[in-house]
Every structure is written in structure tokens, then in C-alpha cells.
Amino acid sequence: MSTQLEDPSDTSIAELFHQLVDDGRQVIRSEISLYKEIAVHRANKAKTGLIALGTGVVLFLGALIVLILMLAQGLALYVGPVAAGFIVAAAVSLLGYGLVRFGIRRLAVLAGDEEERQALSRAERKR
């Protein structure tokens, strides 16, 4: 009397592995589809906010222009309209120049600092 250890109806290991790979592909496709749907959903929700933000920025810039013009007109009573225009333009230009330089210095950190470059260099040499 012999005992049978394997059931002949069982599938082979190769078939099981093939099924596992197919199931893995399906899971990955489902995950990608889910992330796409989440991104589209978030973009649609953010669209209204971006429109409101853009409109607010335009209105703010308009108010800033009015403020600068009124400053020039108020100053024109004391030094004349041309001189007032030059004074206000120079002041606003200096302020803008300072902000641009500040912004450029702040964005320079995106390239990394010297310590970070040295660490990357050491890591490359170790490979």
C-alpha cells in the first residue's frame, strides 16, 4: 500500500509562479490607476483655489500700483510731478532689486551648499 503525497489536481509550481506574476502586475496597475485618480481629483479640487489665488494676486498688484501712484501724487505737491515720479520709481526699484537678490540667494540652496557637495563627492569615491 503506497501513500500518495501529491494531489494530481494541484497545479505546478511554474503555473503558480506565473499566476503570482500576473496577480502582481494587476495589483501594480490598480495602484497606478488609483494614484492617477487621486491626482486628477486633487487637481480638480485645487483648480478653483488656484483661480481664486490668481485673481487675488492680480487684485493685490492693482492695489499696490494705486498705492504707488498715490504716493507719487502726494509727493508731487512738494517736489513736482516729474521729480516725484523719479523718487518713487527709484525707491520701488531699489526695493524690487533687494527682493530679487534676496530671492536669488534663497534659491541658490537648491544647488546644494559646499558641505553637501563634499559629502556627495565622498560618497561617490567610496563606490
Protein backbone atom coordinates (compact mmCIF):
# COMPACT_ATOMS: atom_id res chain seq x y z
CA MET A 1 0.00 0.00 0.00
CA SER A 2 1.51 3.28 -1.08
CA THR A 3 0.55 6.68 0.17
CA GLN A 4 0.07 9.46 -2.29
CA LEU A 5 1.71 12.71 -1.15
CA GLU A 6 0.69 14.97 -4.05
CA ASP A 7 -2.76 15.57 -5.34
CA PRO A 8 -2.72 15.24 -9.13
CA SER A 9 -5.23 18.09 -9.43
CA ASP A 10 -2.72 20.55 -7.94
CA THR A 11 -1.12 22.97 -10.33
CA SER A 12 2.60 23.02 -10.91
CA ILE A 13 4.95 25.47 -9.24
CA ALA A 14 5.60 27.16 -12.59
CA GLU A 15 1.88 27.74 -13.09
CA LEU A 16 1.55 29.12 -9.57
CA PHE A 17 4.52 31.43 -10.13
CA HIS A 18 3.03 32.61 -13.43
CA GLN A 19 -0.27 33.31 -11.68
CA LEU A 20 1.58 35.18 -8.93
CA VAL A 21 3.35 37.38 -11.51
CA ASP A 22 0.05 38.11 -13.27
CA ASP A 23 -1.60 38.98 -9.97
CA GLY A 24 1.33 41.27 -9.10
CA ARG A 25 1.00 43.08 -12.43
CA GLN A 26 -2.70 43.57 -11.82
CA VAL A 27 -2.06 44.96 -8.34
CA ILE A 28 0.52 47.40 -9.71
CA ARG A 29 -1.85 48.51 -12.49
CA SER A 30 -4.59 49.03 -9.92
CA GLU A 31 -2.27 51.08 -7.69
CA ILE A 32 -1.19 53.27 -10.61
CA SER A 33 -4.82 53.77 -11.60
CA LEU A 34 -5.70 54.71 -8.03
CA TYR A 35 -2.89 57.28 -7.82
CA LYS A 36 -3.93 58.75 -11.17
CA GLU A 37 -7.49 59.11 -9.96
CA ILE A 38 -6.33 60.73 -6.71
CA ALA A 39 -4.15 63.19 -8.65
CA VAL A 40 -7.00 64.12 -11.01
CA HIS A 41 -9.39 64.51 -8.08
CA ARG A 42 -6.97 66.75 -6.18
CA ALA A 43 -6.22 68.82 -9.30
CA ASN A 44 -9.93 69.38 -9.89
CA LYS A 45 -10.43 70.42 -6.28
CA ALA A 46 -7.42 72.75 -6.41
CA LYS A 47 -8.47 74.37 -9.70
CA THR A 48 -10.95 76.71 -8.01
CA GLY A 49 -8.40 77.60 -5.35
CA LEU A 50 -5.77 78.40 -7.97
CA ILE A 51 -8.20 80.62 -9.86
CA ALA A 52 -9.07 82.46 -6.65
CA LEU A 53 -5.38 82.78 -5.77
CA GLY A 54 -4.52 84.17 -9.21
CA THR A 55 -7.39 86.65 -9.07
CA GLY A 56 -6.33 87.73 -5.59
CA VAL A 57 -2.75 88.29 -6.73
CA VAL A 58 -3.92 90.41 -9.68
CA LEU A 59 -6.15 92.50 -7.41
CA PHE A 60 -3.35 92.89 -4.87
CA LEU A 61 -0.97 94.08 -7.59
CA GLY A 62 -3.60 96.54 -8.79
CA ALA A 63 -3.94 97.91 -5.26
CA LEU A 64 -0.17 98.16 -4.95
CA ILE A 65 0.04 100.12 -8.21
CA VAL A 66 -2.66 102.51 -6.98
CA LEU A 67 -0.77 102.97 -3.71
CA ILE A 68 2.47 103.75 -5.54
CA LEU A 69 0.71 106.22 -7.84
CA MET A 70 -0.94 107.96 -4.90
CA LEU A 71 2.42 108.18 -3.16
CA ALA A 72 3.88 109.85 -6.25
CA GLN A 73 0.94 112.25 -6.50
CA GLY A 74 1.20 113.16 -2.84
CA LEU A 75 4.93 113.75 -3.18
CA ALA A 76 4.33 115.80 -6.34
CA LEU A 77 2.82 118.58 -4.21
CA TYR A 78 6.23 119.12 -2.61
CA VAL A 79 8.79 118.41 -5.35
CA GLY A 80 6.83 118.49 -8.62
CA PRO A 81 5.33 115.61 -10.64
CA VAL A 82 8.47 114.58 -12.56
CA ALA A 83 10.72 114.57 -9.51
CA ALA A 84 8.07 112.70 -7.51
CA GLY A 85 7.86 110.07 -10.26
CA PHE A 86 11.63 109.63 -10.23
CA ILE A 87 11.80 109.43 -6.44
CA VAL A 88 9.01 106.84 -6.17
CA ALA A 89 10.38 104.84 -9.13
CA ALA A 90 13.85 104.81 -7.58
CA ALA A 91 12.52 103.71 -4.18
CA VAL A 92 10.36 100.95 -5.66
CA SER A 93 13.21 99.84 -7.95
CA LEU A 94 15.62 99.58 -5.02
CA LEU A 95 13.08 97.60 -3.04
CA GLY A 96 12.45 95.29 -6.01
CA TYR A 97 16.19 94.86 -6.61
CA GLY A 98 16.73 93.93 -2.97
CA LEU A 99 13.91 91.40 -3.06
CA VAL A 100 15.19 89.84 -6.28
CA ARG A 101 18.71 89.48 -4.86
CA PHE A 102 17.30 88.02 -1.65
CA GLY A 103 15.20 85.55 -3.66
CA ILE A 104 18.15 84.52 -5.81
CA ARG A 105 20.27 83.85 -2.73
CA ARG A 106 17.47 81.79 -1.22
CA LEU A 107 17.05 79.77 -4.42
CA ALA A 108 20.77 79.06 -4.56
CA VAL A 109 20.26 76.44 -1.84
CA LEU A 110 18.57 74.28 -4.46
CA ALA A 111 22.00 73.63 -5.96
CA GLY A 112 23.27 72.48 -2.56
CA ASP A 113 25.89 74.01 -0.32
CA GLU A 114 29.60 73.20 -0.15
CA GLU A 115 29.17 70.71 2.72
CA GLU A 116 26.57 68.78 0.72
CA ARG A 117 28.79 68.72 -2.40
CA GLN A 118 31.71 67.38 -0.33
CA ALA A 119 29.53 64.66 1.18
CA LEU A 120 28.31 63.62 -2.26
CA SER A 121 31.87 63.60 -3.54
CA ARG A 122 33.00 61.36 -0.67
CA ALA A 123 30.10 59.01 -1.30
CA GLU A 124 30.96 58.76 -5.00
CA ARG A 125 34.59 57.92 -4.20
CA LYS A 126 33.50 55.11 -1.86
CA ARG A 127 31.64 53.34 -4.64
